[in-house]
N, C-alpha and C. Protein backbone atom coordinates (compact mmCIF):
# COMPACT_ATOMS: atom_id res chain seq x y z
N MET A 1 0.81 -1.19 0.00
CA MET A 1 0.00 0.00 0.00
C MET A 1 0.86 1.26 0.00
N LEU A 2 1.88 1.29 0.84
CA LEU A 2 2.73 2.47 0.91
C LEU A 2 3.46 2.71 -0.39
N ALA A 3 3.85 1.65 -1.07
CA ALA A 3 4.52 1.81 -2.36
C ALA A 3 3.58 2.47 -3.37
N ASN A 4 2.32 2.06 -3.36
CA ASN A 4 1.34 2.66 -4.27
C ASN A 4 1.14 4.14 -3.96
N LEU A 5 1.11 4.49 -2.69
CA LEU A 5 0.96 5.90 -2.32
C LEU A 5 2.14 6.72 -2.83
N GLY A 6 3.33 6.16 -2.70
CA GLY A 6 4.52 6.86 -3.19
C GLY A 6 4.52 7.04 -4.69
N GLN A 7 4.05 6.03 -5.40
CA GLN A 7 4.01 6.12 -6.87
C GLN A 7 3.00 7.16 -7.35
N SER A 8 2.04 7.48 -6.52
CA SER A 8 1.04 8.49 -6.89
C SER A 8 1.43 9.87 -6.38
N TYR A 9 2.67 10.00 -5.93
CA TYR A 9 3.19 11.27 -5.39
C TYR A 9 2.41 11.71 -4.16
N ARG A 10 1.73 10.78 -3.53
CA ARG A 10 0.91 10.99 -2.33
C ARG A 10 -0.23 11.98 -2.57
N LEU A 11 -0.69 12.04 -3.80
CA LEU A 11 -1.80 12.93 -4.15
C LEU A 11 -3.10 12.52 -3.47
N VAL A 12 -3.21 11.28 -3.05
CA VAL A 12 -4.42 10.80 -2.40
C VAL A 12 -4.73 11.60 -1.13
N PHE A 13 -3.73 12.25 -0.58
CA PHE A 13 -3.90 13.01 0.65
C PHE A 13 -4.31 14.46 0.42
N SER A 14 -4.55 14.84 -0.82
CA SER A 14 -4.88 16.24 -1.10
C SER A 14 -6.15 16.68 -0.38
N GLY A 15 -7.14 15.82 -0.32
CA GLY A 15 -8.38 16.16 0.38
C GLY A 15 -8.17 16.37 1.87
N ALA A 16 -7.36 15.52 2.47
CA ALA A 16 -7.08 15.66 3.90
C ALA A 16 -6.32 16.95 4.19
N VAL A 17 -5.39 17.30 3.32
CA VAL A 17 -4.65 18.55 3.49
C VAL A 17 -5.58 19.74 3.32
N LEU A 18 -6.45 19.68 2.33
CA LEU A 18 -7.42 20.75 2.12
C LEU A 18 -8.26 20.97 3.38
N LEU A 19 -8.80 19.90 3.94
CA LEU A 19 -9.62 20.02 5.15
C LEU A 19 -8.82 20.53 6.34
N ALA A 20 -7.57 20.10 6.45
CA ALA A 20 -6.72 20.57 7.56
C ALA A 20 -6.46 22.06 7.43
N LEU A 21 -6.23 22.54 6.22
CA LEU A 21 -6.01 23.97 6.02
C LEU A 21 -7.25 24.77 6.40
N VAL A 22 -8.40 24.30 5.99
CA VAL A 22 -9.66 24.98 6.32
C VAL A 22 -9.89 24.95 7.84
N ASP A 23 -9.61 23.82 8.47
CA ASP A 23 -9.77 23.71 9.93
C ASP A 23 -8.88 24.69 10.68
N ARG A 24 -7.77 25.05 10.08
CA ARG A 24 -6.83 25.97 10.72
C ARG A 24 -7.06 27.43 10.31
N GLY A 25 -8.17 27.67 9.64
CA GLY A 25 -8.57 29.04 9.38
C GLY A 25 -8.35 29.58 7.98
N MET A 26 -7.76 28.80 7.09
CA MET A 26 -7.59 29.29 5.73
C MET A 26 -8.95 29.24 5.01
N PRO A 27 -9.32 30.31 4.32
CA PRO A 27 -10.57 30.27 3.56
C PRO A 27 -10.55 29.10 2.57
N ARG A 28 -11.69 28.46 2.40
CA ARG A 28 -11.76 27.25 1.57
C ARG A 28 -11.29 27.50 0.14
N ASP A 29 -11.66 28.63 -0.44
CA ASP A 29 -11.22 28.93 -1.80
C ASP A 29 -9.70 29.02 -1.89
N ASP A 30 -9.08 29.63 -0.89
CA ASP A 30 -7.62 29.73 -0.87
C ASP A 30 -6.99 28.36 -0.68
N ALA A 31 -7.55 27.58 0.25
CA ALA A 31 -7.03 26.24 0.49
C ALA A 31 -7.13 25.38 -0.76
N TYR A 32 -8.26 25.47 -1.44
CA TYR A 32 -8.45 24.70 -2.67
C TYR A 32 -7.41 25.10 -3.71
N ARG A 33 -7.18 26.39 -3.88
CA ARG A 33 -6.21 26.85 -4.87
C ARG A 33 -4.80 26.36 -4.54
N VAL A 34 -4.40 26.49 -3.28
CA VAL A 34 -3.07 26.06 -2.86
C VAL A 34 -2.88 24.56 -3.08
N VAL A 35 -3.86 23.78 -2.67
CA VAL A 35 -3.78 22.32 -2.82
C VAL A 35 -3.80 21.94 -4.29
N GLN A 36 -4.66 22.57 -5.07
CA GLN A 36 -4.75 22.27 -6.51
C GLN A 36 -3.44 22.57 -7.22
N GLU A 37 -2.84 23.72 -6.91
CA GLU A 37 -1.56 24.08 -7.54
C GLU A 37 -0.47 23.07 -7.19
N ALA A 38 -0.40 22.70 -5.91
CA ALA A 38 0.61 21.73 -5.49
C ALA A 38 0.36 20.36 -6.12
N ALA A 39 -0.89 19.96 -6.19
CA ALA A 39 -1.23 18.66 -6.79
C ALA A 39 -0.87 18.63 -8.27
N MET A 40 -1.19 19.68 -8.97
CA MET A 40 -0.89 19.72 -10.41
C MET A 40 0.62 19.73 -10.64
N GLN A 41 1.35 20.46 -9.81
CA GLN A 41 2.80 20.49 -9.95
C GLN A 41 3.40 19.12 -9.64
N ALA A 42 2.90 18.47 -8.60
CA ALA A 42 3.39 17.13 -8.26
C ALA A 42 3.18 16.17 -9.42
N TRP A 43 2.01 16.23 -10.03
CA TRP A 43 1.69 15.34 -11.15
C TRP A 43 2.56 15.64 -12.37
N ARG A 44 2.68 16.92 -12.70
CA ARG A 44 3.47 17.31 -13.89
C ARG A 44 4.95 16.97 -13.74
N GLU A 45 5.49 17.25 -12.56
CA GLU A 45 6.94 17.13 -12.36
C GLU A 45 7.35 15.82 -11.70
N GLY A 46 6.39 15.03 -11.27
CA GLY A 46 6.72 13.76 -10.63
C GLY A 46 7.40 13.92 -9.28
N VAL A 47 6.95 14.92 -8.52
CA VAL A 47 7.53 15.17 -7.20
C VAL A 47 6.48 14.94 -6.12
N ASP A 48 6.93 14.81 -4.90
CA ASP A 48 6.05 14.49 -3.78
C ASP A 48 5.14 15.67 -3.42
N PHE A 49 3.85 15.40 -3.37
CA PHE A 49 2.85 16.41 -3.02
C PHE A 49 3.12 17.01 -1.63
N GLY A 50 3.45 16.17 -0.68
CA GLY A 50 3.72 16.65 0.68
C GLY A 50 4.87 17.62 0.75
N ASP A 51 5.94 17.34 0.01
CA ASP A 51 7.08 18.25 -0.01
C ASP A 51 6.69 19.61 -0.57
N LEU A 52 5.87 19.60 -1.61
CA LEU A 52 5.43 20.86 -2.21
C LEU A 52 4.55 21.64 -1.25
N VAL A 53 3.65 20.96 -0.58
CA VAL A 53 2.76 21.63 0.37
C VAL A 53 3.56 22.24 1.51
N LYS A 54 4.51 21.47 2.03
CA LYS A 54 5.32 21.97 3.15
C LYS A 54 6.24 23.11 2.74
N ALA A 55 6.51 23.26 1.46
CA ALA A 55 7.35 24.35 0.97
C ALA A 55 6.54 25.61 0.66
N SER A 56 5.23 25.52 0.73
CA SER A 56 4.35 26.65 0.42
C SER A 56 4.26 27.62 1.59
N ALA A 57 4.56 28.88 1.33
CA ALA A 57 4.47 29.91 2.38
C ALA A 57 3.04 30.06 2.87
N GLU A 58 2.08 29.88 1.98
CA GLU A 58 0.67 29.99 2.39
C GLU A 58 0.29 28.88 3.37
N VAL A 59 0.83 27.70 3.14
CA VAL A 59 0.54 26.58 4.04
C VAL A 59 1.26 26.77 5.37
N THR A 60 2.54 27.11 5.32
CA THR A 60 3.31 27.23 6.56
C THR A 60 2.84 28.41 7.42
N ALA A 61 2.04 29.29 6.85
CA ALA A 61 1.46 30.38 7.64
C ALA A 61 0.39 29.87 8.60
N VAL A 62 -0.19 28.70 8.29
CA VAL A 62 -1.27 28.18 9.14
C VAL A 62 -1.01 26.77 9.67
N MET A 63 -0.02 26.07 9.10
CA MET A 63 0.27 24.69 9.53
C MET A 63 1.77 24.47 9.63
N THR A 64 2.17 23.67 10.60
CA THR A 64 3.56 23.26 10.68
C THR A 64 3.78 22.05 9.77
N ALA A 65 5.03 21.74 9.52
CA ALA A 65 5.35 20.55 8.72
C ALA A 65 4.82 19.29 9.40
N ALA A 66 4.88 19.26 10.73
CA ALA A 66 4.37 18.10 11.47
C ALA A 66 2.86 17.95 11.29
N GLU A 67 2.14 19.07 11.23
CA GLU A 67 0.70 19.01 11.03
C GLU A 67 0.36 18.53 9.62
N VAL A 68 1.17 18.94 8.65
CA VAL A 68 0.98 18.45 7.28
C VAL A 68 1.21 16.94 7.25
N ASP A 69 2.29 16.51 7.89
CA ASP A 69 2.58 15.07 7.94
C ASP A 69 1.44 14.30 8.61
N ALA A 70 0.87 14.86 9.67
CA ALA A 70 -0.24 14.20 10.37
C ALA A 70 -1.46 14.09 9.45
N ALA A 71 -1.72 15.13 8.67
CA ALA A 71 -2.85 15.09 7.73
C ALA A 71 -2.62 14.05 6.64
N MET A 72 -1.36 13.75 6.36
CA MET A 72 -1.01 12.81 5.29
C MET A 72 -0.62 11.43 5.83
N ASP A 73 -0.97 11.15 7.07
CA ASP A 73 -0.62 9.87 7.68
C ASP A 73 -1.54 8.77 7.16
N PRO A 74 -1.00 7.77 6.49
CA PRO A 74 -1.85 6.70 5.95
C PRO A 74 -2.56 5.89 7.03
N ASP A 75 -2.07 5.92 8.26
CA ASP A 75 -2.71 5.16 9.33
C ASP A 75 -4.12 5.66 9.62
N GLN A 76 -4.40 6.92 9.32
CA GLN A 76 -5.76 7.43 9.56
C GLN A 76 -6.78 6.70 8.70
N TYR A 77 -6.35 6.17 7.57
CA TYR A 77 -7.26 5.44 6.69
C TYR A 77 -7.41 3.98 7.12
N ARG A 78 -6.51 3.53 7.97
CA ARG A 78 -6.56 2.15 8.44
C ARG A 78 -7.06 2.05 9.87
N ALA A 79 -7.43 3.17 10.46
CA ALA A 79 -7.77 3.22 11.88
C ALA A 79 -8.91 2.28 12.25
N GLY A 80 -9.92 2.15 11.42
CA GLY A 80 -11.08 1.33 11.76
C GLY A 80 -11.02 -0.09 11.28
N ARG A 81 -9.91 -0.51 10.75
CA ARG A 81 -9.86 -1.83 10.14
C ARG A 81 -10.09 -2.95 11.13
N ASP A 82 -9.60 -2.82 12.36
CA ASP A 82 -9.79 -3.89 13.35
C ASP A 82 -11.27 -4.06 13.69
N VAL A 83 -11.98 -2.96 13.80
CA VAL A 83 -13.42 -3.02 14.08
C VAL A 83 -14.14 -3.72 12.94
N ILE A 84 -13.77 -3.38 11.73
CA ILE A 84 -14.41 -3.98 10.55
C ILE A 84 -14.15 -5.48 10.51
N PHE A 85 -12.90 -5.88 10.73
CA PHE A 85 -12.59 -7.31 10.70
C PHE A 85 -13.25 -8.06 11.85
N ASP A 86 -13.34 -7.42 13.02
CA ASP A 86 -14.06 -8.06 14.14
C ASP A 86 -15.52 -8.31 13.78
N ARG A 87 -16.15 -7.34 13.14
CA ARG A 87 -17.55 -7.50 12.74
C ARG A 87 -17.70 -8.59 11.68
N LEU A 88 -16.77 -8.64 10.77
CA LEU A 88 -16.83 -9.66 9.72
C LEU A 88 -16.68 -11.06 10.30
N GLU A 89 -15.80 -11.21 11.28
CA GLU A 89 -15.60 -12.52 11.90
C GLU A 89 -16.85 -13.01 12.62
N LYS A 90 -17.69 -12.09 13.09
CA LYS A 90 -18.89 -12.47 13.83
C LYS A 90 -20.07 -12.79 12.92
N LEU A 91 -19.95 -12.48 11.66
CA LEU A 91 -21.04 -12.76 10.73
C LEU A 91 -21.19 -14.26 10.50
N GLU A 92 -22.42 -14.68 10.38
CA GLU A 92 -22.69 -16.08 10.06
C GLU A 92 -23.29 -16.15 8.67
N PHE A 93 -22.80 -17.06 7.90
CA PHE A 93 -23.29 -17.22 6.52
C PHE A 93 -24.03 -18.52 6.36
């Protein structure tokens, strides 16, 4: 899974970064523009989306690099997996 995320320049996290920027007070239109520009640059140039976001002055005005990393943590997408598997194991077919 992590290899696939790396091959996509971690663009899958653009939505999480957008929401984190808005949560920290950036107007949604500005957050969308910043994220969109970084995402398009990552895709065109084959560079990591997270590195571009963390290099943005607009982002660093409202978020630290650690907060960006937290927004891009793949574990947040796997957080509920144990609950799901527990429920599946209890199902009777």
